[in-house]
């Protein structure tokens, strides 16, 4: 087996580094924040801009938050965490199963902009058949519109101030009292909730 000369080995290591793109290194490539690591861009935004972006997210106007970010960073792109936040509300997530990842993506978006989100875990208690189910009324006051949001005794949401956010609420969220009014469980089951430090907390 032939050995690679030490000088050639050094060249093989250096060349890929010379041609690595800023994007591949996790750096912004355009605008005033070019060269800043993508995950750190929010830290260099003025507080006034972060607060305005946070206010936009709280009222469900994700597009406005993205537009503010682009204007003040001079880029046509949006950070991955903000796009992930936006995708969390996709209709495809309105099924039983992905609530924990959805909650994390929503939580991260609010937290990056200086918000104070909390995870709320809903659970059912009961021994009767179907006691593991939690339903959510898509149309308030219409029991016939209820959809199963979990089949495993548990559903996780994000609460900021007095509003609740998950895939079912849409980006606008719902007032806490309205959200609670839309939840339902099987006869004989009891719905409980608690603040948890992780969507995957036991």
N, C-alpha and C. Protein backbone atom coordinates (compact mmCIF):
# COMPACT_ATOMS: atom_id res chain seq x y z
N UNK A 1 0.85 -1.20 0.00
CA UNK A 1 0.00 0.00 0.00
C UNK A 1 0.88 1.24 0.00
N UNK A 2 0.64 2.16 -0.98
CA UNK A 2 1.48 3.34 -1.09
C UNK A 2 1.11 4.37 -0.04
N UNK A 3 2.12 5.05 0.48
CA UNK A 3 1.92 6.10 1.46
C UNK A 3 1.82 7.46 0.76
N UNK A 4 0.92 8.30 1.22
CA UNK A 4 0.79 9.64 0.66
C UNK A 4 1.83 10.54 1.28
N UNK A 5 2.64 11.24 0.47
CA UNK A 5 3.66 12.14 1.03
C UNK A 5 3.03 13.14 1.98
N UNK A 6 3.79 13.51 3.01
CA UNK A 6 3.24 14.39 4.04
C UNK A 6 2.80 15.73 3.46
N UNK A 7 3.56 16.29 2.49
CA UNK A 7 3.18 17.58 1.90
C UNK A 7 1.86 17.47 1.16
N UNK A 8 1.64 16.33 0.48
CA UNK A 8 0.41 16.15 -0.27
C UNK A 8 -0.76 15.99 0.69
N UNK A 9 -0.54 15.26 1.81
CA UNK A 9 -1.60 15.11 2.80
C UNK A 9 -2.02 16.46 3.35
N UNK A 10 -1.04 17.35 3.58
CA UNK A 10 -1.33 18.69 4.09
C UNK A 10 -2.16 19.47 3.08
N UNK A 11 -1.81 19.34 1.79
CA UNK A 11 -2.53 20.06 0.74
C UNK A 11 -3.97 19.57 0.65
N UNK A 12 -4.15 18.26 0.79
CA UNK A 12 -5.50 17.70 0.71
C UNK A 12 -6.39 18.21 1.84
N UNK A 13 -5.80 18.50 2.98
CA UNK A 13 -6.56 19.02 4.11
C UNK A 13 -6.87 20.50 3.95
N UNK A 14 -5.94 21.27 3.40
CA UNK A 14 -6.08 22.71 3.31
C UNK A 14 -7.02 23.14 2.20
N UNK A 15 -6.93 22.49 1.04
CA UNK A 15 -7.73 22.91 -0.12
C UNK A 15 -9.22 22.97 0.17
N UNK A 16 -9.83 21.92 0.78
CA UNK A 16 -11.26 22.02 1.06
C UNK A 16 -11.61 23.20 1.97
N UNK A 17 -10.68 23.54 2.89
CA UNK A 17 -10.95 24.66 3.79
C UNK A 17 -10.94 25.98 3.04
N UNK A 18 -10.04 26.10 2.05
CA UNK A 18 -9.94 27.33 1.28
C UNK A 18 -11.19 27.58 0.45
N UNK A 19 -11.83 26.50 0.01
CA UNK A 19 -12.98 26.62 -0.87
C UNK A 19 -14.30 26.44 -0.14
N UNK A 20 -14.27 26.26 1.19
CA UNK A 20 -15.52 26.14 1.94
C UNK A 20 -16.29 27.44 1.87
N UNK A 21 -17.58 27.38 1.63
CA UNK A 21 -18.39 28.58 1.51
C UNK A 21 -18.80 29.09 2.89
N UNK A 22 -19.04 30.41 3.00
CA UNK A 22 -19.52 30.94 4.28
C UNK A 22 -20.80 30.28 4.73
N UNK A 23 -21.70 30.00 3.77
CA UNK A 23 -22.98 29.38 4.13
C UNK A 23 -22.75 28.02 4.75
N UNK A 24 -21.78 27.27 4.19
CA UNK A 24 -21.50 25.94 4.72
C UNK A 24 -20.93 26.03 6.13
N UNK A 25 -20.29 27.16 6.42
CA UNK A 25 -19.72 27.36 7.75
C UNK A 25 -20.72 27.95 8.73
N UNK A 26 -21.96 28.14 8.27
CA UNK A 26 -22.99 28.68 9.14
C UNK A 26 -22.92 30.18 9.29
N UNK A 27 -22.36 30.90 8.29
CA UNK A 27 -22.23 32.34 8.34
C UNK A 27 -23.22 33.01 7.40
N UNK A 28 -23.65 34.22 7.76
CA UNK A 28 -24.48 35.00 6.86
C UNK A 28 -23.62 35.40 5.67
N UNK A 29 -24.21 35.43 4.49
CA UNK A 29 -23.43 35.69 3.28
C UNK A 29 -23.73 37.03 2.64
N UNK A 30 -24.80 37.71 3.07
CA UNK A 30 -25.14 38.98 2.45
C UNK A 30 -25.55 39.98 3.52
N UNK A 31 -25.56 41.25 3.13
CA UNK A 31 -26.10 42.29 4.00
C UNK A 31 -25.14 42.73 5.10
N UNK A 32 -25.71 43.51 6.01
CA UNK A 32 -24.90 44.10 7.08
C UNK A 32 -24.33 43.08 8.03
N UNK A 33 -24.92 41.89 8.08
CA UNK A 33 -24.45 40.87 9.02
C UNK A 33 -23.61 39.80 8.33
N UNK A 34 -23.13 40.08 7.12
CA UNK A 34 -22.30 39.11 6.41
C UNK A 34 -21.10 38.74 7.27
N UNK A 35 -20.84 37.44 7.37
CA UNK A 35 -19.72 36.96 8.16
C UNK A 35 -20.08 36.64 9.59
N UNK A 36 -21.29 37.01 10.02
CA UNK A 36 -21.74 36.70 11.37
C UNK A 36 -22.41 35.34 11.36
N UNK A 37 -22.10 34.51 12.33
CA UNK A 37 -22.72 33.19 12.41
C UNK A 37 -24.22 33.34 12.49
N UNK A 38 -24.93 32.53 11.68
CA UNK A 38 -26.38 32.64 11.57
C UNK A 38 -27.07 32.59 12.92
N UNK A 39 -26.61 31.71 13.80
CA UNK A 39 -27.25 31.55 15.10
C UNK A 39 -27.05 32.76 16.00
N UNK A 40 -26.09 33.66 15.63
CA UNK A 40 -25.80 34.82 16.47
C UNK A 40 -26.39 36.11 15.93
N UNK A 41 -27.03 36.06 14.75
CA UNK A 41 -27.52 37.28 14.12
C UNK A 41 -28.49 38.03 15.01
N UNK A 42 -29.40 37.32 15.67
CA UNK A 42 -30.40 37.98 16.50
C UNK A 42 -29.74 38.83 17.57
N UNK A 43 -28.59 38.40 18.06
CA UNK A 43 -27.91 39.12 19.14
C UNK A 43 -27.39 40.47 18.67
N UNK A 44 -27.13 40.62 17.38
CA UNK A 44 -26.60 41.89 16.89
C UNK A 44 -27.69 42.81 16.39
N UNK A 45 -28.94 42.37 16.39
CA UNK A 45 -30.04 43.24 16.01
C UNK A 45 -30.32 44.23 17.15
N UNK A 46 -30.71 45.46 16.81
CA UNK A 46 -31.09 46.41 17.86
C UNK A 46 -32.27 45.87 18.67
N UNK A 47 -32.30 46.21 19.95
CA UNK A 47 -33.40 45.73 20.80
C UNK A 47 -34.75 46.14 20.24
N UNK A 48 -34.83 47.33 19.66
CA UNK A 48 -36.11 47.81 19.13
C UNK A 48 -36.61 46.90 18.01
N UNK A 49 -35.69 46.39 17.21
CA UNK A 49 -36.08 45.53 16.09
C UNK A 49 -36.50 44.16 16.62
N UNK A 50 -35.76 43.64 17.60
CA UNK A 50 -36.12 42.35 18.18
C UNK A 50 -37.50 42.41 18.82
N UNK A 51 -37.78 43.52 19.51
CA UNK A 51 -39.08 43.66 20.16
C UNK A 51 -40.21 43.75 19.14
N UNK A 52 -39.95 44.43 18.04
CA UNK A 52 -40.97 44.53 16.99
C UNK A 52 -41.18 43.18 16.31
N UNK A 53 -40.10 42.43 16.12
CA UNK A 53 -40.23 41.09 15.55
C UNK A 53 -41.01 40.18 16.49
N UNK A 54 -40.69 40.28 17.79
CA UNK A 54 -41.40 39.47 18.78
C UNK A 54 -42.88 39.81 18.79
N UNK A 55 -43.20 41.11 18.73
CA UNK A 55 -44.60 41.53 18.72
C UNK A 55 -45.32 40.97 17.50
N UNK A 56 -44.62 40.92 16.37
CA UNK A 56 -45.21 40.37 15.15
C UNK A 56 -45.51 38.88 15.31
N UNK A 57 -44.58 38.14 15.92
CA UNK A 57 -44.81 36.71 16.14
C UNK A 57 -45.97 36.49 17.11
N UNK A 58 -46.05 37.31 18.13
CA UNK A 58 -47.10 37.14 19.13
C UNK A 58 -48.50 37.36 18.54
N UNK A 59 -48.60 38.22 17.53
CA UNK A 59 -49.90 38.44 16.91
C UNK A 59 -50.11 37.55 15.68
N UNK A 60 -49.12 36.67 15.41
CA UNK A 60 -49.27 35.70 14.33
C UNK A 60 -48.82 36.17 12.98
N UNK A 61 -48.15 37.32 12.90
CA UNK A 61 -47.71 37.86 11.62
C UNK A 61 -46.25 37.48 11.37
N UNK A 62 -46.04 36.23 11.03
CA UNK A 62 -44.68 35.73 10.83
C UNK A 62 -44.02 36.40 9.63
N UNK A 63 -44.80 36.66 8.58
CA UNK A 63 -44.27 37.30 7.38
C UNK A 63 -43.69 38.68 7.71
N UNK A 64 -44.35 39.41 8.60
CA UNK A 64 -43.85 40.74 8.99
C UNK A 64 -42.53 40.61 9.73
N UNK A 65 -42.42 39.60 10.59
CA UNK A 65 -41.16 39.38 11.32
C UNK A 65 -40.03 39.05 10.35
N UNK A 66 -40.32 38.22 9.37
CA UNK A 66 -39.31 37.87 8.37
C UNK A 66 -38.90 39.11 7.58
N UNK A 67 -39.87 39.93 7.19
CA UNK A 67 -39.58 41.14 6.42
C UNK A 67 -38.71 42.11 7.21
N UNK A 68 -38.99 42.26 8.51
CA UNK A 68 -38.18 43.13 9.36
C UNK A 68 -36.76 42.62 9.45
N UNK A 69 -36.62 41.32 9.61
CA UNK A 69 -35.29 40.71 9.68
C UNK A 69 -34.51 40.99 8.40
N UNK A 70 -35.15 40.81 7.26
CA UNK A 70 -34.48 41.00 5.98
C UNK A 70 -34.07 42.44 5.76
N UNK A 71 -34.95 43.37 6.11
CA UNK A 71 -34.66 44.80 5.93
C UNK A 71 -33.47 45.21 6.79
N UNK A 72 -33.45 44.80 8.02
CA UNK A 72 -32.43 45.27 8.95
C UNK A 72 -31.13 44.46 8.91
N UNK A 73 -31.12 43.37 8.17
CA UNK A 73 -29.87 42.64 7.98
C UNK A 73 -29.38 42.77 6.54
N UNK A 74 -30.21 43.35 5.68
CA UNK A 74 -29.80 43.55 4.29
C UNK A 74 -29.69 42.27 3.51
N UNK A 75 -30.52 41.29 3.84
CA UNK A 75 -30.48 40.01 3.14
C UNK A 75 -31.86 39.67 2.61
N UNK A 76 -31.89 38.79 1.64
CA UNK A 76 -33.19 38.33 1.11
C UNK A 76 -33.57 36.99 1.72
N UNK A 77 -32.76 36.53 2.66
CA UNK A 77 -33.00 35.23 3.27
C UNK A 77 -33.62 35.40 4.66
N UNK A 78 -34.06 34.30 5.22
CA UNK A 78 -34.58 34.29 6.59
C UNK A 78 -33.82 33.22 7.36
N UNK A 79 -33.59 33.44 8.65
CA UNK A 79 -32.85 32.45 9.44
C UNK A 79 -33.64 31.15 9.57
N UNK A 80 -32.92 30.07 9.69
CA UNK A 80 -33.56 28.76 9.75
C UNK A 80 -34.54 28.65 10.90
N UNK A 81 -34.19 29.21 12.07
CA UNK A 81 -35.07 29.09 13.24
C UNK A 81 -36.40 29.79 13.02
N UNK A 82 -36.39 30.89 12.23
CA UNK A 82 -37.63 31.61 11.97
C UNK A 82 -38.49 30.87 10.95
N UNK A 83 -37.85 30.25 9.97
CA UNK A 83 -38.59 29.44 9.01
C UNK A 83 -39.16 28.19 9.68
N UNK A 84 -38.39 27.64 10.63
CA UNK A 84 -38.86 26.47 11.38
C UNK A 84 -40.06 26.84 12.25
N UNK A 85 -40.00 28.02 12.85
CA UNK A 85 -41.13 28.53 13.63
C UNK A 85 -42.37 28.61 12.74
N UNK A 86 -42.21 29.17 11.56
CA UNK A 86 -43.32 29.33 10.63
C UNK A 86 -43.89 27.97 10.22
N UNK A 87 -43.01 27.02 9.95
CA UNK A 87 -43.44 25.68 9.50
C UNK A 87 -44.15 24.90 10.60
N UNK A 88 -43.92 25.26 11.85
CA UNK A 88 -44.55 24.54 12.96
C UNK A 88 -46.07 24.59 12.87
N UNK A 89 -46.60 25.64 12.24
CA UNK A 89 -48.05 25.82 12.17
C UNK A 89 -48.68 25.22 10.90
N UNK A 90 -47.88 24.51 10.13
CA UNK A 90 -48.39 23.89 8.91
C UNK A 90 -49.55 22.95 9.22
N UNK A 91 -50.51 22.91 8.32
CA UNK A 91 -51.67 22.03 8.48
C UNK A 91 -51.24 20.58 8.65
N UNK A 92 -50.13 20.21 8.04
CA UNK A 92 -49.64 18.83 8.12
C UNK A 92 -49.35 18.41 9.56
N UNK A 93 -49.12 19.38 10.44
CA UNK A 93 -48.84 19.07 11.85
C UNK A 93 -50.10 18.95 12.69
N UNK A 94 -51.26 19.14 12.08
CA UNK A 94 -52.53 19.06 12.83
C UNK A 94 -53.03 17.62 12.87
N UNK A 95 -52.20 16.80 13.45
CA UNK A 95 -52.51 15.39 13.65
C UNK A 95 -51.94 14.99 15.01
N UNK A 96 -52.36 13.84 15.50
CA UNK A 96 -51.80 13.34 16.75
C UNK A 96 -50.38 12.86 16.51
N UNK A 97 -49.45 13.32 17.33
CA UNK A 97 -48.08 12.81 17.21
C UNK A 97 -46.97 13.84 17.28
N UNK A 98 -46.97 14.88 16.43
CA UNK A 98 -45.80 15.78 16.37
C UNK A 98 -45.81 16.94 17.35
N UNK A 99 -46.71 16.95 18.33
CA UNK A 99 -46.88 18.14 19.18
C UNK A 99 -45.60 18.53 19.92
N UNK A 100 -44.78 17.56 20.32
CA UNK A 100 -43.59 17.89 21.10
C UNK A 100 -42.56 18.66 20.26
N UNK A 101 -42.31 18.19 19.04
CA UNK A 101 -41.37 18.90 18.17
C UNK A 101 -41.95 20.25 17.76
N UNK A 102 -43.24 20.30 17.49
CA UNK A 102 -43.89 21.56 17.15
C UNK A 102 -43.71 22.56 18.29
N UNK A 103 -43.95 22.11 19.52
CA UNK A 103 -43.80 22.99 20.67
C UNK A 103 -42.37 23.51 20.79
N UNK A 104 -41.40 22.66 20.57
CA UNK A 104 -40.00 23.09 20.66
C UNK A 104 -39.69 24.16 19.62
N UNK A 105 -40.16 23.97 18.39
CA UNK A 105 -39.88 24.93 17.32
C UNK A 105 -40.54 26.28 17.60
N UNK A 106 -41.74 26.25 18.17
CA UNK A 106 -42.43 27.50 18.52
C UNK A 106 -41.71 28.18 19.69
N UNK A 107 -41.39 27.40 20.70
CA UNK A 107 -40.69 27.91 21.89
C UNK A 107 -39.38 28.60 21.50
N UNK A 108 -38.59 27.94 20.65
CA UNK A 108 -37.29 28.48 20.25
C UNK A 108 -37.45 29.82 19.54
N UNK A 109 -38.48 29.94 18.69
CA UNK A 109 -38.68 31.19 17.98
C UNK A 109 -38.95 32.35 18.92
N UNK A 110 -39.84 32.16 19.87
CA UNK A 110 -40.14 33.22 20.84
C UNK A 110 -38.93 33.54 21.71
N UNK A 111 -38.24 32.50 22.15
CA UNK A 111 -37.11 32.70 23.07
C UNK A 111 -35.97 33.46 22.40
N UNK A 112 -35.69 33.18 21.14
CA UNK A 112 -34.59 33.85 20.44
C UNK A 112 -34.81 35.36 20.36
N UNK A 113 -36.07 35.78 20.36
CA UNK A 113 -36.37 37.20 20.25
C UNK A 113 -36.60 37.85 21.62
N UNK A 114 -36.30 37.11 22.67
CA UNK A 114 -36.39 37.69 24.01
C UNK A 114 -37.72 37.47 24.69
N UNK A 115 -38.57 36.62 24.12
CA UNK A 115 -39.84 36.30 24.76
C UNK A 115 -39.65 35.37 25.94
N UNK A 116 -40.73 35.14 26.67
CA UNK A 116 -40.66 34.26 27.85
C UNK A 116 -41.70 33.14 27.70
N UNK A 117 -41.46 32.22 26.79
CA UNK A 117 -42.42 31.13 26.59
C UNK A 117 -42.30 30.06 27.67
N UNK A 118 -43.36 29.31 27.86
CA UNK A 118 -43.32 28.16 28.76
C UNK A 118 -43.99 26.99 28.05
N UNK A 119 -43.55 25.80 28.40
CA UNK A 119 -44.18 24.58 27.89
C UNK A 119 -45.31 24.19 28.84
N UNK A 120 -46.47 23.88 28.28
CA UNK A 120 -47.58 23.37 29.06
C UNK A 120 -47.91 21.96 28.56
N UNK A 121 -47.94 21.01 29.47
CA UNK A 121 -48.26 19.63 29.10
C UNK A 121 -49.64 19.27 29.63
N UNK A 122 -50.53 18.92 28.71
CA UNK A 122 -51.86 18.43 29.09
C UNK A 122 -51.82 16.91 29.16
N UNK A 123 -52.46 16.35 30.17
CA UNK A 123 -52.51 14.90 30.31
C UNK A 123 -53.92 14.48 30.72
N UNK A 124 -54.26 13.26 30.40
CA UNK A 124 -55.55 12.71 30.82
C UNK A 124 -55.32 11.65 31.90
N UNK A 125 -56.26 11.59 32.82
CA UNK A 125 -56.22 10.60 33.88
C UNK A 125 -57.54 9.83 33.84
N UNK A 126 -57.44 8.52 33.80
CA UNK A 126 -58.66 7.71 33.77
C UNK A 126 -58.33 6.29 33.36
N UNK A 127 -59.23 5.39 33.69
CA UNK A 127 -59.00 3.98 33.39
C UNK A 127 -60.03 3.42 32.41
N UNK A 128 -60.94 4.28 31.98
CA UNK A 128 -61.97 3.80 31.05
C UNK A 128 -61.43 3.80 29.63
N UNK A 129 -62.11 3.07 28.78
CA UNK A 129 -61.70 3.00 27.38
C UNK A 129 -61.77 4.39 26.73
N UNK A 130 -60.71 4.78 26.06
CA UNK A 130 -60.65 6.09 25.41
C UNK A 130 -60.17 7.21 26.31
N UNK A 131 -59.78 6.88 27.54
CA UNK A 131 -59.35 7.92 28.46
C UNK A 131 -58.00 8.53 28.08
N UNK A 132 -57.34 7.93 27.09
CA UNK A 132 -56.06 8.46 26.63
C UNK A 132 -56.24 9.51 25.53
N UNK A 133 -57.48 9.79 25.14
CA UNK A 133 -57.73 10.69 24.02
C UNK A 133 -57.99 12.12 24.48
N UNK A 134 -57.46 13.07 23.74
CA UNK A 134 -57.77 14.49 23.95
C UNK A 134 -58.27 15.04 22.62
N UNK A 135 -59.40 15.73 22.67
CA UNK A 135 -59.95 16.32 21.47
C UNK A 135 -59.85 17.84 21.49
N UNK A 136 -59.88 18.45 20.30
CA UNK A 136 -59.80 19.90 20.18
C UNK A 136 -60.84 20.35 19.16
N UNK A 137 -61.69 21.30 19.55
CA UNK A 137 -62.71 21.83 18.65
C UNK A 137 -62.07 22.80 17.65
N UNK A 138 -62.09 22.42 16.39
CA UNK A 138 -61.54 23.29 15.36
C UNK A 138 -62.37 24.57 15.26
N UNK A 139 -63.69 24.41 15.42
CA UNK A 139 -64.60 25.57 15.46
C UNK A 139 -65.17 25.68 16.86
N UNK A 140 -64.88 26.77 17.51
CA UNK A 140 -65.29 26.95 18.90
C UNK A 140 -66.79 26.76 19.07
N UNK A 141 -67.17 25.97 20.06
CA UNK A 141 -68.58 25.74 20.35
C UNK A 141 -69.25 24.70 19.49
N UNK A 142 -68.47 24.05 18.63
CA UNK A 142 -69.03 23.02 17.75
C UNK A 142 -68.37 21.68 18.07
N UNK A 143 -68.98 20.89 18.94
CA UNK A 143 -68.39 19.59 19.32
C UNK A 143 -68.15 18.68 18.12
N UNK A 144 -68.96 18.86 17.08
CA UNK A 144 -68.80 18.02 15.89
C UNK A 144 -67.51 18.30 15.13
N UNK A 145 -66.87 19.44 15.42
CA UNK A 145 -65.62 19.78 14.73
C UNK A 145 -64.40 19.28 15.48
N UNK A 146 -64.62 18.62 16.63
CA UNK A 146 -63.49 18.17 17.46
C UNK A 146 -62.64 17.15 16.71
N UNK A 147 -61.34 17.30 16.84
CA UNK A 147 -60.38 16.38 16.23
C UNK A 147 -59.46 15.84 17.31
N UNK A 148 -59.06 14.60 17.19
CA UNK A 148 -58.16 13.99 18.16
C UNK A 148 -56.77 14.59 18.00
N UNK A 149 -56.22 15.15 19.07
CA UNK A 149 -54.89 15.73 18.99
C UNK A 149 -53.84 14.87 19.67
N UNK A 150 -54.27 13.84 20.38
CA UNK A 150 -53.31 12.88 20.94
C UNK A 150 -54.00 11.56 21.23
N UNK A 151 -53.23 10.51 21.13
CA UNK A 151 -53.73 9.19 21.48
C UNK A 151 -52.84 8.57 22.56
N UNK A 152 -52.02 9.40 23.17
CA UNK A 152 -51.05 8.90 24.15
C UNK A 152 -51.12 9.65 25.48
N UNK A 153 -52.32 10.06 25.88
CA UNK A 153 -52.52 10.70 27.19
C UNK A 153 -51.95 12.11 27.30
N UNK A 154 -51.24 12.62 26.28
CA UNK A 154 -50.47 13.84 26.48
C UNK A 154 -50.48 14.73 25.24
N UNK A 155 -50.51 16.05 25.48
CA UNK A 155 -50.37 17.03 24.41
C UNK A 155 -49.59 18.21 24.96
N UNK A 156 -48.62 18.71 24.19
CA UNK A 156 -47.75 19.80 24.64
C UNK A 156 -47.98 21.04 23.79
N UNK A 157 -48.10 22.19 24.46
CA UNK A 157 -48.28 23.46 23.78
C UNK A 157 -47.28 24.47 24.35
N UNK A 158 -47.25 25.65 23.74
CA UNK A 158 -46.42 26.75 24.24
C UNK A 158 -47.34 27.88 24.68
N UNK A 159 -47.06 28.45 25.84
CA UNK A 159 -47.84 29.57 26.36
C UNK A 159 -46.93 30.78 26.51
N UNK A 160 -47.37 31.90 25.97
CA UNK A 160 -46.65 33.17 26.12
C UNK A 160 -47.67 34.19 26.62
N UNK A 161 -47.39 34.74 27.79
CA UNK A 161 -48.36 35.64 28.42
C UNK A 161 -49.68 34.87 28.58
N UNK A 162 -50.76 35.36 27.97
CA UNK A 162 -52.05 34.68 28.14
C UNK A 162 -52.50 33.98 26.87
N UNK A 163 -51.57 33.68 25.98
CA UNK A 163 -51.95 33.02 24.73
C UNK A 163 -51.25 31.68 24.59
N UNK A 164 -51.94 30.77 23.92
CA UNK A 164 -51.43 29.41 23.70
C UNK A 164 -51.16 29.22 22.22
N UNK A 165 -50.06 28.52 21.93
CA UNK A 165 -49.68 28.28 20.54
C UNK A 165 -49.39 26.80 20.32
N UNK A 166 -50.00 26.25 19.28
CA UNK A 166 -49.63 24.93 18.77
C UNK A 166 -50.07 24.87 17.32
N UNK A 167 -49.92 23.73 16.68
CA UNK A 167 -50.28 23.64 15.27
C UNK A 167 -51.76 23.91 15.05
N UNK A 168 -52.58 23.58 16.03
CA UNK A 168 -54.03 23.72 15.89
C UNK A 168 -54.50 25.15 16.03
N UNK A 169 -53.79 25.97 16.78
CA UNK A 169 -54.21 27.36 16.96
C UNK A 169 -53.83 28.23 15.78
N UNK A 170 -52.87 27.77 14.98
CA UNK A 170 -52.31 28.65 13.97
C UNK A 170 -51.36 29.63 14.62
N UNK A 171 -50.67 30.41 13.79
CA UNK A 171 -49.64 31.32 14.30
C UNK A 171 -50.22 32.40 15.20
N UNK A 172 -51.54 32.69 15.08
CA UNK A 172 -52.15 33.73 15.90
C UNK A 172 -52.32 33.29 17.35
N UNK A 173 -52.33 31.99 17.60
CA UNK A 173 -52.55 31.50 18.94
C UNK A 173 -53.98 31.71 19.39
N UNK A 174 -54.27 31.32 20.61
CA UNK A 174 -55.60 31.50 21.22
C UNK A 174 -55.43 31.94 22.67
N UNK A 175 -56.36 32.75 23.16
CA UNK A 175 -56.33 33.06 24.60
C UNK A 175 -56.42 31.77 25.40
N UNK A 176 -55.77 31.75 26.54
CA UNK A 176 -55.71 30.56 27.39
C UNK A 176 -57.09 30.01 27.70
N UNK A 177 -58.01 30.87 28.08
CA UNK A 177 -59.36 30.40 28.43
C UNK A 177 -60.09 29.81 27.23
N UNK A 178 -59.90 30.41 26.06
CA UNK A 178 -60.54 29.89 24.85
C UNK A 178 -59.98 28.52 24.48
N UNK A 179 -58.67 28.38 24.63
CA UNK A 179 -58.04 27.10 24.29
C UNK A 179 -58.57 25.99 25.20
N UNK A 180 -58.63 26.29 26.50
CA UNK A 180 -59.13 25.30 27.46
C UNK A 180 -60.56 24.89 27.13
N UNK A 181 -61.37 25.88 26.71
CA UNK A 181 -62.78 25.60 26.41
C UNK A 181 -62.94 24.68 25.21
N UNK A 182 -61.95 24.64 24.35
CA UNK A 182 -62.04 23.82 23.14
C UNK A 182 -61.56 22.37 23.36
N UNK A 183 -60.91 22.12 24.47
CA UNK A 183 -60.41 20.78 24.74
C UNK A 183 -61.51 19.89 25.30
N UNK A 184 -61.43 18.61 24.98
CA UNK A 184 -62.40 17.65 25.51
C UNK A 184 -61.73 16.31 25.73
N UNK A 185 -62.28 15.54 26.66
CA UNK A 185 -61.78 14.19 26.94
C UNK A 185 -62.97 13.25 27.01
N UNK A 186 -62.69 11.97 27.03
CA UNK A 186 -63.74 10.97 27.07
C UNK A 186 -64.46 10.99 28.42
N UNK A 187 -65.72 10.56 28.46
CA UNK A 187 -66.45 10.47 29.73
C UNK A 187 -65.68 9.63 30.74
N UNK A 188 -65.58 10.13 31.94
CA UNK A 188 -64.86 9.39 32.98
C UNK A 188 -63.40 9.76 33.08
N UNK A 189 -62.88 10.48 32.09
CA UNK A 189 -61.48 10.89 32.12
C UNK A 189 -61.37 12.31 32.65
N UNK A 190 -60.21 12.65 33.17
CA UNK A 190 -59.97 13.98 33.70
C UNK A 190 -58.77 14.59 33.00
N UNK A 191 -58.90 15.87 32.63
CA UNK A 191 -57.81 16.57 31.96
C UNK A 191 -57.03 17.39 32.98
N UNK A 192 -55.73 17.22 32.99
CA UNK A 192 -54.86 17.99 33.87
C UNK A 192 -53.80 18.70 33.03
N UNK A 193 -53.16 19.72 33.60
CA UNK A 193 -52.08 20.38 32.90
C UNK A 193 -51.01 20.83 33.89
N UNK A 194 -49.79 20.98 33.37
CA UNK A 194 -48.67 21.39 34.22
C UNK A 194 -47.62 22.08 33.37
N UNK A 195 -46.89 22.99 33.99
CA UNK A 195 -45.74 23.64 33.33
C UNK A 195 -44.57 22.66 33.41
N UNK A 196 -43.89 22.44 32.28
CA UNK A 196 -42.75 21.52 32.24
C UNK A 196 -41.57 22.25 31.60
N UNK A 197 -40.36 21.76 31.85
CA UNK A 197 -39.17 22.44 31.33
C UNK A 197 -38.71 21.91 29.98
N UNK A 198 -39.39 20.92 29.47
CA UNK A 198 -39.05 20.36 28.17
C UNK A 198 -40.29 19.70 27.58
N UNK A 199 -40.47 19.76 26.25
CA UNK A 199 -41.64 19.08 25.66
C UNK A 199 -41.57 17.57 25.82
N UNK A 200 -40.37 17.06 26.12
CA UNK A 200 -40.21 15.62 26.29
C UNK A 200 -40.09 15.22 27.76
N UNK A 201 -40.38 16.15 28.66
CA UNK A 201 -40.29 15.85 30.09
C UNK A 201 -41.21 14.71 30.46
N UNK A 202 -40.74 13.85 31.34
CA UNK A 202 -41.55 12.71 31.80
C UNK A 202 -42.50 13.14 32.92
